[in-house]
């Protein structure tokens, strides 16, 4: 089981590397890591398990955050309508996006960033993502709202980008042009 001890911090060089594609079909080792990423996200949202193991809550996780430079992400969240988005993906790709932008009104956080960073993070409002599931199925997901923002955050990790790279350094709370506010 992954714990906070398995995470690298924001200054670790692995978080600035472009992660490698996972050869498919995935090896047992890669499947186990992706399963562990999903288990962490789910466990971190369970108050009893999180308290027992000292887990910081998260809705998404990428392999580079646990010191593995491979293209794997796990996302587990419910949107404001209660719809569950629970996906563990190998080689996720952003294949299309809207012109319209979106941003979380509360800002973003990261399990590899152990300090609060204020500001709006401009993202695409609607995206389409493709990726391969643990059982080898290729999926395409149409996403908007918090789910779209979370997937973009995790895919950024695979490309060596941290959320605060997107924040306007001069005016962190400038509302992105042509954007909608997303409540978490």
N, C-alpha and C. Protein backbone atom coordinates (compact mmCIF):
# COMPACT_ATOMS: atom_id res chain seq x y z
N UNK A 1 0.83 -1.19 0.00
CA UNK A 1 0.00 0.00 0.00
C UNK A 1 0.88 1.25 0.00
N UNK A 2 0.57 2.19 -0.90
CA UNK A 2 1.30 3.44 -0.94
C UNK A 2 0.92 4.31 0.25
N UNK A 3 1.90 5.02 0.79
CA UNK A 3 1.65 6.01 1.85
C UNK A 3 2.36 7.30 1.44
N UNK A 4 2.22 8.32 2.26
CA UNK A 4 2.86 9.60 1.97
C UNK A 4 4.38 9.46 1.87
N UNK A 5 4.95 8.47 2.52
CA UNK A 5 6.40 8.24 2.46
C UNK A 5 6.86 7.88 1.04
N UNK A 6 5.94 7.42 0.19
CA UNK A 6 6.29 7.02 -1.17
C UNK A 6 6.34 8.20 -2.15
N UNK A 7 5.85 9.36 -1.72
CA UNK A 7 5.75 10.51 -2.62
C UNK A 7 7.05 11.29 -2.70
N UNK A 8 7.35 11.80 -3.90
CA UNK A 8 8.45 12.75 -4.05
C UNK A 8 7.88 14.15 -3.88
N UNK A 9 8.74 15.06 -3.45
CA UNK A 9 8.33 16.46 -3.29
C UNK A 9 8.57 17.24 -4.56
N UNK A 10 7.97 18.41 -4.62
CA UNK A 10 7.97 19.23 -5.83
C UNK A 10 9.35 19.55 -6.38
N UNK A 11 10.40 19.53 -5.54
CA UNK A 11 11.73 19.86 -6.02
C UNK A 11 12.47 18.65 -6.61
N UNK A 12 11.84 17.48 -6.61
CA UNK A 12 12.48 16.28 -7.16
C UNK A 12 12.50 16.39 -8.70
N UNK A 13 13.66 16.18 -9.32
CA UNK A 13 13.77 16.31 -10.78
C UNK A 13 12.83 15.40 -11.58
N UNK A 14 12.41 14.28 -11.01
CA UNK A 14 11.53 13.37 -11.76
C UNK A 14 10.21 14.05 -12.14
N UNK A 15 9.78 15.02 -11.33
CA UNK A 15 8.51 15.71 -11.62
C UNK A 15 8.63 16.69 -12.78
N UNK A 16 9.86 16.91 -13.26
CA UNK A 16 10.07 17.83 -14.39
C UNK A 16 10.44 17.08 -15.67
N UNK A 17 10.41 15.75 -15.62
CA UNK A 17 10.72 14.93 -16.79
C UNK A 17 9.45 14.54 -17.53
N UNK A 18 9.57 14.32 -18.82
CA UNK A 18 8.47 13.73 -19.59
C UNK A 18 8.53 12.23 -19.34
N UNK A 19 7.44 11.68 -18.82
CA UNK A 19 7.39 10.26 -18.47
C UNK A 19 7.35 9.38 -19.73
N UNK A 20 7.83 8.17 -19.59
CA UNK A 20 7.90 7.22 -20.70
C UNK A 20 6.56 6.51 -20.92
N UNK A 21 6.27 6.21 -22.18
CA UNK A 21 5.09 5.41 -22.51
C UNK A 21 5.21 4.04 -21.85
N UNK A 22 4.09 3.49 -21.45
CA UNK A 22 4.05 2.14 -20.90
C UNK A 22 3.85 1.16 -22.06
N UNK A 23 4.77 0.21 -22.25
CA UNK A 23 4.56 -0.79 -23.32
C UNK A 23 3.30 -1.61 -23.02
N UNK A 24 2.49 -1.79 -24.05
CA UNK A 24 1.25 -2.55 -23.88
C UNK A 24 1.32 -3.83 -24.70
N UNK A 25 0.76 -4.93 -24.26
CA UNK A 25 0.05 -5.06 -23.00
C UNK A 25 0.98 -4.82 -21.81
N UNK A 26 0.41 -4.24 -20.76
CA UNK A 26 1.19 -3.86 -19.59
C UNK A 26 1.73 -5.08 -18.85
N UNK A 27 2.92 -4.91 -18.28
CA UNK A 27 3.52 -5.97 -17.47
C UNK A 27 2.77 -6.08 -16.14
N UNK A 28 2.96 -7.20 -15.45
CA UNK A 28 2.35 -7.37 -14.13
C UNK A 28 2.83 -6.28 -13.18
N UNK A 29 4.11 -5.91 -13.28
CA UNK A 29 4.68 -4.86 -12.42
C UNK A 29 3.98 -3.52 -12.67
N UNK A 30 3.75 -3.17 -13.95
CA UNK A 30 3.08 -1.92 -14.26
C UNK A 30 1.61 -1.95 -13.82
N UNK A 31 0.96 -3.09 -13.99
CA UNK A 31 -0.43 -3.22 -13.53
C UNK A 31 -0.51 -3.04 -12.02
N UNK A 32 0.45 -3.61 -11.29
CA UNK A 32 0.45 -3.49 -9.84
C UNK A 32 0.65 -2.04 -9.41
N UNK A 33 1.54 -1.33 -10.07
CA UNK A 33 1.75 0.08 -9.73
C UNK A 33 0.49 0.89 -9.99
N UNK A 34 -0.14 0.69 -11.15
CA UNK A 34 -1.35 1.45 -11.46
C UNK A 34 -2.46 1.12 -10.47
N UNK A 35 -2.58 -0.14 -10.09
CA UNK A 35 -3.55 -0.54 -9.06
C UNK A 35 -3.25 0.17 -7.74
N UNK A 36 -1.97 0.26 -7.39
CA UNK A 36 -1.58 0.94 -6.14
C UNK A 36 -1.89 2.44 -6.18
N UNK A 37 -1.73 3.06 -7.35
CA UNK A 37 -2.09 4.48 -7.48
C UNK A 37 -3.58 4.68 -7.19
N UNK A 38 -4.41 3.82 -7.79
CA UNK A 38 -5.85 3.92 -7.57
C UNK A 38 -6.20 3.63 -6.11
N UNK A 39 -5.58 2.62 -5.54
CA UNK A 39 -5.86 2.30 -4.13
C UNK A 39 -5.52 3.48 -3.23
N UNK A 40 -4.40 4.17 -3.51
CA UNK A 40 -4.05 5.32 -2.68
C UNK A 40 -5.15 6.38 -2.74
N UNK A 41 -5.56 6.73 -3.96
CA UNK A 41 -6.57 7.80 -4.11
C UNK A 41 -7.86 7.41 -3.39
N UNK A 42 -8.29 6.17 -3.55
CA UNK A 42 -9.50 5.72 -2.87
C UNK A 42 -9.32 5.71 -1.35
N UNK A 43 -8.20 5.15 -0.88
CA UNK A 43 -7.95 5.11 0.56
C UNK A 43 -7.85 6.51 1.16
N UNK A 44 -7.27 7.44 0.43
CA UNK A 44 -7.08 8.79 0.95
C UNK A 44 -8.41 9.52 1.14
N UNK A 45 -9.45 9.04 0.47
CA UNK A 45 -10.78 9.66 0.60
C UNK A 45 -11.62 8.97 1.67
N UNK A 46 -11.10 7.90 2.26
CA UNK A 46 -11.79 7.20 3.34
C UNK A 46 -11.24 7.74 4.66
N UNK A 47 -12.06 8.49 5.42
CA UNK A 47 -11.54 9.15 6.63
C UNK A 47 -10.85 8.21 7.61
N UNK A 48 -11.37 7.01 7.79
CA UNK A 48 -10.76 6.08 8.75
C UNK A 48 -9.40 5.59 8.28
N UNK A 49 -9.31 5.17 7.01
CA UNK A 49 -8.04 4.68 6.47
C UNK A 49 -7.02 5.82 6.40
N UNK A 50 -7.49 7.00 5.95
CA UNK A 50 -6.59 8.15 5.84
C UNK A 50 -6.01 8.52 7.19
N UNK A 51 -6.83 8.51 8.23
CA UNK A 51 -6.35 8.83 9.58
C UNK A 51 -5.38 7.76 10.08
N UNK A 52 -5.71 6.50 9.85
CA UNK A 52 -4.87 5.40 10.33
C UNK A 52 -3.47 5.44 9.73
N UNK A 53 -3.36 5.80 8.44
CA UNK A 53 -2.08 5.76 7.76
C UNK A 53 -1.49 7.14 7.46
N UNK A 54 -2.16 8.20 7.92
CA UNK A 54 -1.66 9.56 7.70
C UNK A 54 -1.64 9.96 6.24
N UNK A 55 -2.70 9.63 5.51
CA UNK A 55 -2.77 9.93 4.08
C UNK A 55 -3.40 11.30 3.85
N UNK A 56 -2.78 12.10 2.98
CA UNK A 56 -3.41 13.34 2.53
C UNK A 56 -4.42 12.98 1.46
N UNK A 57 -5.59 13.59 1.55
CA UNK A 57 -6.65 13.30 0.59
C UNK A 57 -6.26 13.81 -0.80
N UNK A 58 -6.61 13.00 -1.81
CA UNK A 58 -6.37 13.38 -3.19
C UNK A 58 -7.43 12.78 -4.08
N UNK A 59 -7.63 13.41 -5.24
CA UNK A 59 -8.60 12.89 -6.21
C UNK A 59 -7.90 12.33 -7.44
N UNK A 60 -6.59 12.55 -7.54
CA UNK A 60 -5.84 12.02 -8.66
C UNK A 60 -4.39 11.84 -8.28
N UNK A 61 -3.72 10.96 -9.04
CA UNK A 61 -2.33 10.64 -8.76
C UNK A 61 -1.67 10.15 -10.05
N UNK A 62 -0.42 10.58 -10.25
CA UNK A 62 0.35 10.15 -11.42
C UNK A 62 1.60 9.42 -10.96
N UNK A 63 2.06 8.46 -11.75
CA UNK A 63 3.21 7.64 -11.38
C UNK A 63 4.47 8.45 -11.04
N UNK A 64 4.78 9.55 -11.75
CA UNK A 64 5.98 10.29 -11.38
C UNK A 64 5.96 10.79 -9.93
N UNK A 65 4.79 10.97 -9.35
CA UNK A 65 4.69 11.45 -7.97
C UNK A 65 5.18 10.41 -6.97
N UNK A 66 5.25 9.14 -7.39
CA UNK A 66 5.79 8.09 -6.52
C UNK A 66 7.11 7.57 -7.11
N UNK A 67 7.79 8.47 -7.82
CA UNK A 67 9.15 8.23 -8.31
C UNK A 67 9.25 7.19 -9.42
N UNK A 68 8.21 7.10 -10.25
CA UNK A 68 8.23 6.19 -11.41
C UNK A 68 7.87 7.03 -12.64
N UNK A 69 8.83 7.19 -13.54
CA UNK A 69 8.63 8.03 -14.71
C UNK A 69 7.97 7.25 -15.85
N UNK A 70 6.71 6.88 -15.61
CA UNK A 70 5.92 6.17 -16.61
C UNK A 70 4.55 6.83 -16.72
N UNK A 71 3.93 6.71 -17.88
CA UNK A 71 2.67 7.39 -18.17
C UNK A 71 1.49 6.58 -17.62
N UNK A 72 1.21 6.82 -16.34
CA UNK A 72 0.09 6.17 -15.63
C UNK A 72 -0.56 7.19 -14.72
N UNK A 73 -1.89 7.19 -14.71
CA UNK A 73 -2.63 8.05 -13.78
C UNK A 73 -3.82 7.29 -13.19
N UNK A 74 -4.22 7.73 -12.01
CA UNK A 74 -5.44 7.23 -11.39
C UNK A 74 -6.26 8.44 -10.94
N UNK A 75 -7.54 8.42 -11.24
CA UNK A 75 -8.46 9.50 -10.86
C UNK A 75 -9.68 8.86 -10.22
N UNK A 76 -10.08 9.40 -9.08
CA UNK A 76 -11.27 8.90 -8.39
C UNK A 76 -11.95 10.09 -7.72
N UNK A 77 -13.06 10.51 -8.30
CA UNK A 77 -13.78 11.67 -7.76
C UNK A 77 -15.24 11.63 -8.15
N UNK A 78 -16.03 12.33 -7.34
CA UNK A 78 -17.44 12.57 -7.69
C UNK A 78 -17.58 14.04 -8.03
N UNK A 79 -18.30 14.31 -9.13
CA UNK A 79 -18.52 15.71 -9.49
C UNK A 79 -19.65 16.29 -8.65
N UNK A 80 -19.98 17.56 -8.89
CA UNK A 80 -20.98 18.22 -8.05
C UNK A 80 -22.37 17.59 -8.19
N UNK A 81 -22.58 16.80 -9.25
CA UNK A 81 -23.86 16.10 -9.43
C UNK A 81 -23.83 14.69 -8.85
N UNK A 82 -22.70 14.33 -8.24
CA UNK A 82 -22.59 13.01 -7.63
C UNK A 82 -22.15 11.91 -8.58
N UNK A 83 -21.79 12.27 -9.84
CA UNK A 83 -21.35 11.27 -10.80
C UNK A 83 -19.91 10.87 -10.49
N UNK A 84 -19.66 9.55 -10.42
CA UNK A 84 -18.33 9.04 -10.10
C UNK A 84 -17.48 8.91 -11.36
N UNK A 85 -16.26 9.42 -11.27
CA UNK A 85 -15.25 9.26 -12.31
C UNK A 85 -14.11 8.50 -11.65
N UNK A 86 -13.97 7.23 -11.98
CA UNK A 86 -12.95 6.39 -11.36
C UNK A 86 -12.22 5.64 -12.47
N UNK A 87 -11.01 6.11 -12.80
CA UNK A 87 -10.26 5.55 -13.92
C UNK A 87 -8.80 5.40 -13.56
N UNK A 88 -8.23 4.25 -13.86
CA UNK A 88 -6.80 4.00 -13.79
C UNK A 88 -6.36 3.76 -15.24
N UNK A 89 -5.48 4.62 -15.76
CA UNK A 89 -5.16 4.57 -17.18
C UNK A 89 -3.66 4.52 -17.44
N UNK A 90 -3.30 3.69 -18.41
CA UNK A 90 -1.97 3.70 -18.98
C UNK A 90 -1.99 4.64 -20.18
N UNK A 91 -0.93 5.39 -20.37
CA UNK A 91 -0.72 6.24 -21.54
C UNK A 91 -1.90 7.15 -21.87
N UNK A 92 -2.43 7.88 -20.87
CA UNK A 92 -3.54 8.78 -21.17
C UNK A 92 -3.07 9.93 -22.06
N UNK A 93 -3.95 10.32 -22.97
CA UNK A 93 -3.64 11.42 -23.89
C UNK A 93 -4.84 12.36 -23.97
N UNK A 94 -4.55 13.63 -23.99
CA UNK A 94 -5.57 14.65 -24.26
C UNK A 94 -5.70 14.71 -25.78
N UNK A 95 -6.85 14.27 -26.32
CA UNK A 95 -6.95 14.19 -27.78
C UNK A 95 -7.75 15.33 -28.39
N UNK A 96 -8.56 16.03 -27.57
CA UNK A 96 -9.21 17.25 -28.05
C UNK A 96 -9.64 18.07 -26.84
N UNK A 97 -9.88 19.35 -27.10
CA UNK A 97 -10.29 20.24 -26.01
C UNK A 97 -11.08 21.42 -26.55
N UNK A 98 -11.81 22.05 -25.66
CA UNK A 98 -12.60 23.22 -26.01
C UNK A 98 -11.69 24.44 -26.10
N UNK A 99 -12.21 25.48 -26.74
CA UNK A 99 -11.55 26.78 -26.71
C UNK A 99 -11.79 27.42 -25.34
N UNK A 100 -13.00 27.23 -24.84
CA UNK A 100 -13.35 27.79 -23.54
C UNK A 100 -12.47 27.22 -22.43
N UNK A 101 -12.13 28.07 -21.49
CA UNK A 101 -11.30 27.66 -20.35
C UNK A 101 -12.17 27.47 -19.10
N UNK A 102 -11.57 26.89 -18.08
CA UNK A 102 -12.23 26.72 -16.78
C UNK A 102 -11.15 26.82 -15.71
N UNK A 103 -11.60 27.10 -14.48
CA UNK A 103 -10.67 27.13 -13.36
C UNK A 103 -11.44 26.79 -12.10
N UNK A 104 -10.75 26.14 -11.17
CA UNK A 104 -11.36 25.84 -9.87
C UNK A 104 -11.33 27.10 -9.02
N UNK A 105 -12.47 27.47 -8.47
CA UNK A 105 -12.54 28.69 -7.66
C UNK A 105 -11.69 28.58 -6.40
N UNK A 106 -11.45 27.36 -5.93
CA UNK A 106 -10.64 27.14 -4.73
C UNK A 106 -9.16 26.99 -5.06
N UNK A 107 -8.80 27.03 -6.34
CA UNK A 107 -7.44 26.77 -6.74
C UNK A 107 -7.18 25.27 -6.74
N UNK A 108 -5.96 24.88 -7.05
CA UNK A 108 -5.59 23.47 -7.09
C UNK A 108 -4.53 23.19 -6.03
N UNK A 109 -4.43 21.92 -5.67
CA UNK A 109 -3.39 21.46 -4.78
C UNK A 109 -2.77 20.23 -5.38
N UNK A 110 -1.76 19.69 -4.70
CA UNK A 110 -1.04 18.55 -5.24
C UNK A 110 -0.40 17.77 -4.10
N UNK A 111 -0.48 16.45 -4.19
CA UNK A 111 0.11 15.60 -3.15
C UNK A 111 1.64 15.69 -3.10
N UNK A 112 2.25 16.22 -4.16
CA UNK A 112 3.70 16.40 -4.16
C UNK A 112 4.11 17.82 -3.78
N UNK A 113 3.15 18.67 -3.52
CA UNK A 113 3.43 20.06 -3.14
C UNK A 113 2.91 20.24 -1.71
N UNK A 114 3.83 20.39 -0.79
CA UNK A 114 3.47 20.42 0.63
C UNK A 114 3.33 21.84 1.18
N UNK A 115 2.84 22.72 0.33
CA UNK A 115 2.62 24.10 0.76
C UNK A 115 1.42 24.64 -0.01
N UNK A 116 0.70 25.57 0.59
CA UNK A 116 -0.42 26.16 -0.14
C UNK A 116 0.10 27.13 -1.21
N UNK A 117 -0.48 27.05 -2.40
CA UNK A 117 -0.14 27.97 -3.47
C UNK A 117 -1.45 28.55 -3.98
N UNK A 118 -1.57 29.86 -3.87
CA UNK A 118 -2.81 30.53 -4.23
C UNK A 118 -2.80 30.95 -5.68
N UNK A 119 -3.99 30.94 -6.27
CA UNK A 119 -4.16 31.44 -7.63
C UNK A 119 -5.03 30.52 -8.46
N UNK A 120 -5.55 31.09 -9.54
CA UNK A 120 -6.38 30.34 -10.47
C UNK A 120 -5.49 29.64 -11.50
N UNK A 121 -5.83 28.39 -11.79
CA UNK A 121 -5.10 27.58 -12.76
C UNK A 121 -5.99 27.42 -14.00
N UNK A 122 -5.67 28.12 -15.09
CA UNK A 122 -6.50 27.98 -16.29
C UNK A 122 -6.35 26.60 -16.92
N UNK A 123 -7.48 25.99 -17.20
CA UNK A 123 -7.54 24.68 -17.85
C UNK A 123 -8.57 24.76 -18.97
N UNK A 124 -8.64 23.71 -19.80
CA UNK A 124 -9.70 23.63 -20.79
C UNK A 124 -10.99 23.22 -20.09
N UNK A 125 -12.11 23.82 -20.51
CA UNK A 125 -13.40 23.53 -19.87
C UNK A 125 -13.90 22.13 -20.21
N UNK A 126 -13.67 21.68 -21.44
CA UNK A 126 -14.11 20.36 -21.87
C UNK A 126 -12.97 19.70 -22.63
N UNK A 127 -12.80 18.41 -22.35
CA UNK A 127 -11.70 17.68 -22.99
C UNK A 127 -12.16 16.28 -23.40
N UNK A 128 -11.40 15.68 -24.29
CA UNK A 128 -11.55 14.26 -24.57
C UNK A 128 -10.19 13.62 -24.31
N UNK A 129 -10.20 12.54 -23.54
CA UNK A 129 -8.99 11.83 -23.15
C UNK A 129 -9.11 10.39 -23.62
N UNK A 130 -8.01 9.84 -24.12
CA UNK A 130 -7.97 8.41 -24.41
C UNK A 130 -6.91 7.79 -23.51
N UNK A 131 -7.07 6.51 -23.24
CA UNK A 131 -6.10 5.78 -22.43
C UNK A 131 -6.49 4.31 -22.39
N UNK A 132 -5.61 3.52 -21.81
CA UNK A 132 -5.84 2.08 -21.72
C UNK A 132 -6.03 1.68 -20.27
N UNK A 133 -7.09 0.93 -20.00
CA UNK A 133 -7.42 0.52 -18.64
C UNK A 133 -6.54 -0.66 -18.21
N UNK A 134 -6.66 -1.03 -16.93
CA UNK A 134 -5.90 -2.15 -16.39
C UNK A 134 -6.16 -3.45 -17.16
N UNK A 135 -7.38 -3.63 -17.66
CA UNK A 135 -7.69 -4.87 -18.38
C UNK A 135 -7.36 -4.78 -19.88
N UNK A 136 -6.71 -3.68 -20.30
CA UNK A 136 -6.26 -3.57 -21.68
C UNK A 136 -7.25 -2.94 -22.63
N UNK A 137 -8.35 -2.41 -22.12
CA UNK A 137 -9.36 -1.78 -22.96
C UNK A 137 -8.99 -0.33 -23.25
N UNK A 138 -9.03 0.06 -24.53
CA UNK A 138 -8.82 1.45 -24.91
C UNK A 138 -10.12 2.20 -24.70
N UNK A 139 -10.07 3.29 -23.92
CA UNK A 139 -11.28 4.08 -23.65
C UNK A 139 -11.08 5.51 -24.13
N UNK A 140 -12.21 6.15 -24.45
CA UNK A 140 -12.23 7.59 -24.73
C UNK A 140 -13.24 8.20 -23.80
N UNK A 141 -12.84 9.26 -23.09
CA UNK A 141 -13.69 9.90 -22.10
C UNK A 141 -13.93 11.35 -22.48
N UNK A 142 -15.20 11.75 -22.47
CA UNK A 142 -15.55 13.17 -22.63
C UNK A 142 -15.75 13.71 -21.22
N UNK A 143 -15.01 14.76 -20.89
CA UNK A 143 -15.01 15.26 -19.53
C UNK A 143 -15.21 16.76 -19.48
N UNK A 144 -15.83 17.21 -18.39
CA UNK A 144 -15.97 18.65 -18.14
C UNK A 144 -15.93 18.85 -16.63
N UNK A 145 -15.92 20.10 -16.22
CA UNK A 145 -15.94 20.42 -14.79
C UNK A 145 -14.72 19.90 -14.06
N UNK A 146 -14.95 19.49 -12.80
CA UNK A 146 -13.85 19.04 -11.95
C UNK A 146 -13.11 17.85 -12.55
N UNK A 147 -13.83 16.94 -13.19
CA UNK A 147 -13.18 15.76 -13.79
C UNK A 147 -12.20 16.19 -14.87
N UNK A 148 -12.58 17.13 -15.73
CA UNK A 148 -11.68 17.60 -16.79
C UNK A 148 -10.45 18.27 -16.19
N UNK A 149 -10.65 19.06 -15.16
CA UNK A 149 -9.53 19.74 -14.51
C UNK A 149 -8.57 18.72 -13.89
N UNK A 150 -9.12 17.73 -13.20
CA UNK A 150 -8.29 16.71 -12.56
C UNK A 150 -7.47 15.93 -13.58
N UNK A 151 -8.09 15.49 -14.66
CA UNK A 151 -7.37 14.75 -15.68
C UNK A 151 -6.24 15.59 -16.29
N UNK A 152 -6.51 16.88 -16.53
CA UNK A 152 -5.46 17.74 -17.07
C UNK A 152 -4.30 17.89 -16.09
N UNK A 153 -4.62 18.02 -14.80
CA UNK A 153 -3.59 18.13 -13.75
C UNK A 153 -2.70 16.88 -13.77
N UNK A 154 -3.32 15.70 -13.83
CA UNK A 154 -2.54 14.46 -13.79
C UNK A 154 -1.74 14.24 -15.07
N UNK A 155 -2.33 14.54 -16.23
CA UNK A 155 -1.60 14.41 -17.49
C UNK A 155 -0.43 15.39 -17.53
N UNK A 156 -0.61 16.58 -16.95
CA UNK A 156 0.52 17.52 -16.83
C UNK A 156 1.70 16.87 -16.11
N UNK A 157 1.42 16.11 -15.04
CA UNK A 157 2.51 15.44 -14.32
C UNK A 157 3.32 14.55 -15.25
N UNK A 158 2.68 13.94 -16.22
CA UNK A 158 3.37 13.04 -17.15
C UNK A 158 4.24 13.81 -18.13
N UNK A 159 4.01 15.13 -18.21
CA UNK A 159 4.76 15.98 -19.12
C UNK A 159 5.70 16.93 -18.39
N UNK A 160 5.93 16.68 -17.11
CA UNK A 160 6.87 17.50 -16.34
C UNK A 160 6.35 18.86 -15.94
N UNK A 161 5.04 19.01 -15.86
CA UNK A 161 4.42 20.30 -15.54
C UNK A 161 3.69 20.20 -14.20
N UNK A 162 3.89 21.20 -13.35
CA UNK A 162 3.17 21.28 -12.08
C UNK A 162 2.08 22.34 -12.19
N UNK A 163 1.03 22.20 -11.40
CA UNK A 163 -0.15 23.08 -11.55
C UNK A 163 0.21 24.55 -11.45
N UNK A 164 1.15 24.89 -10.57
CA UNK A 164 1.44 26.31 -10.37
C UNK A 164 2.20 26.93 -11.53
N UNK A 165 2.69 26.10 -12.46
CA UNK A 165 3.31 26.64 -13.67
C UNK A 165 2.30 27.43 -14.50
N UNK A 166 1.01 27.12 -14.34
CA UNK A 166 -0.05 27.77 -15.12
C UNK A 166 -0.56 29.06 -14.46
N UNK A 167 -0.24 29.29 -13.20
CA UNK A 167 -0.76 30.45 -12.48
C UNK A 167 -0.03 31.70 -12.95
N UNK A 168 -0.80 32.76 -13.21
CA UNK A 168 -0.22 34.04 -13.64
C UNK A 168 0.64 34.60 -12.51
N UNK A 169 1.96 34.75 -12.73
CA UNK A 169 2.83 35.19 -11.65
C UNK A 169 2.62 36.64 -11.23
N UNK A 170 2.09 37.45 -12.12
CA UNK A 170 1.87 38.87 -11.81
C UNK A 170 0.55 39.07 -11.07
N UNK A 171 -0.49 38.36 -11.53
CA UNK A 171 -1.81 38.47 -10.90
C UNK A 171 -2.40 37.07 -10.78
N UNK A 172 -2.09 36.36 -9.66
CA UNK A 172 -2.52 34.97 -9.52
C UNK A 172 -4.05 34.77 -9.58
N UNK A 173 -4.80 35.80 -9.28
CA UNK A 173 -6.26 35.66 -9.28
C UNK A 173 -6.93 36.30 -10.49
N UNK A 174 -6.15 36.52 -11.53
CA UNK A 174 -6.77 37.02 -12.76
C UNK A 174 -7.65 35.91 -13.33
N UNK A 175 -8.86 36.28 -13.69
CA UNK A 175 -9.79 35.29 -14.25
C UNK A 175 -9.40 35.05 -15.70
N UNK A 176 -9.12 33.79 -16.05
CA UNK A 176 -8.71 33.49 -17.43
C UNK A 176 -9.77 33.96 -18.43
N UNK A 177 -9.31 34.52 -19.54
CA UNK A 177 -10.21 34.99 -20.59
C UNK A 177 -11.03 33.83 -21.13
N UNK A 178 -12.30 34.11 -21.45
CA UNK A 178 -13.20 33.11 -22.02
C UNK A 178 -13.26 31.85 -21.14
N UNK A 179 -13.59 32.06 -19.85
CA UNK A 179 -13.55 30.93 -18.91
C UNK A 179 -14.80 30.84 -18.04
N UNK A 180 -14.99 29.66 -17.47
CA UNK A 180 -16.07 29.44 -16.52
C UNK A 180 -15.46 29.02 -15.20
N UNK A 181 -16.10 29.45 -14.11
CA UNK A 181 -15.66 29.07 -12.78
C UNK A 181 -16.23 27.70 -12.45
N UNK A 182 -15.43 26.84 -11.85
CA UNK A 182 -15.87 25.51 -11.44
C UNK A 182 -15.76 25.41 -9.93
N UNK A 183 -16.89 25.06 -9.30
CA UNK A 183 -16.91 24.86 -7.85
C UNK A 183 -16.58 23.41 -7.57
N UNK A 184 -15.77 23.15 -6.57
CA UNK A 184 -15.41 21.77 -6.22
C UNK A 184 -16.42 21.22 -5.26
